[in-house]
Amino acid sequence: MQGCGGATPKGHAVVSRAIQTVWVARRRWSTDDNRSVPVPESSLSSAQRRVRRVRRDAVGEALRRARLSSGLSQEGLARLSGVSRAAIARIETGEASTQVDRLWDLAAALDTTPSAILAQAEGLL
């Protein structure tokens, strides 16, 4: 999360710490309960919820940009990817996250890679 010249922007340090906290909390929760589902919103601090929202918004915007640059509507992307139009809309608006398998399907339909979509999202943070 370093910018040009090695300087870290003020907000990135806070976001980075919150992201690490979410990861640790998720790891602990999924290890304790032997599940791989996201930590419920009610279990997160306000800072963790804010970080989750920022990340979802960035991934959603990156997906939307990739879809538009491919000249596809949400319905067209749904047809090609097998992901419902409603799910695509929720991802693009940041209302929902996506599973890795879905991200692979969406990326393939957009003739790109999941890492390209995530790199775009990271650039939006």
Foldseek 3Di string as FASTA:
>chain_A
DADPPRHRDPVVVLLVVLVVVLVVVQVVVCVVVVHNDHDDPVVHDPSNVVSLQLLLQLLLCLLVVLCVVLVHDLCQLCVQQVPDSVVNVCSNRSVDPDDPSSLQSSQVSSVHGSVVSSVSSVVVD
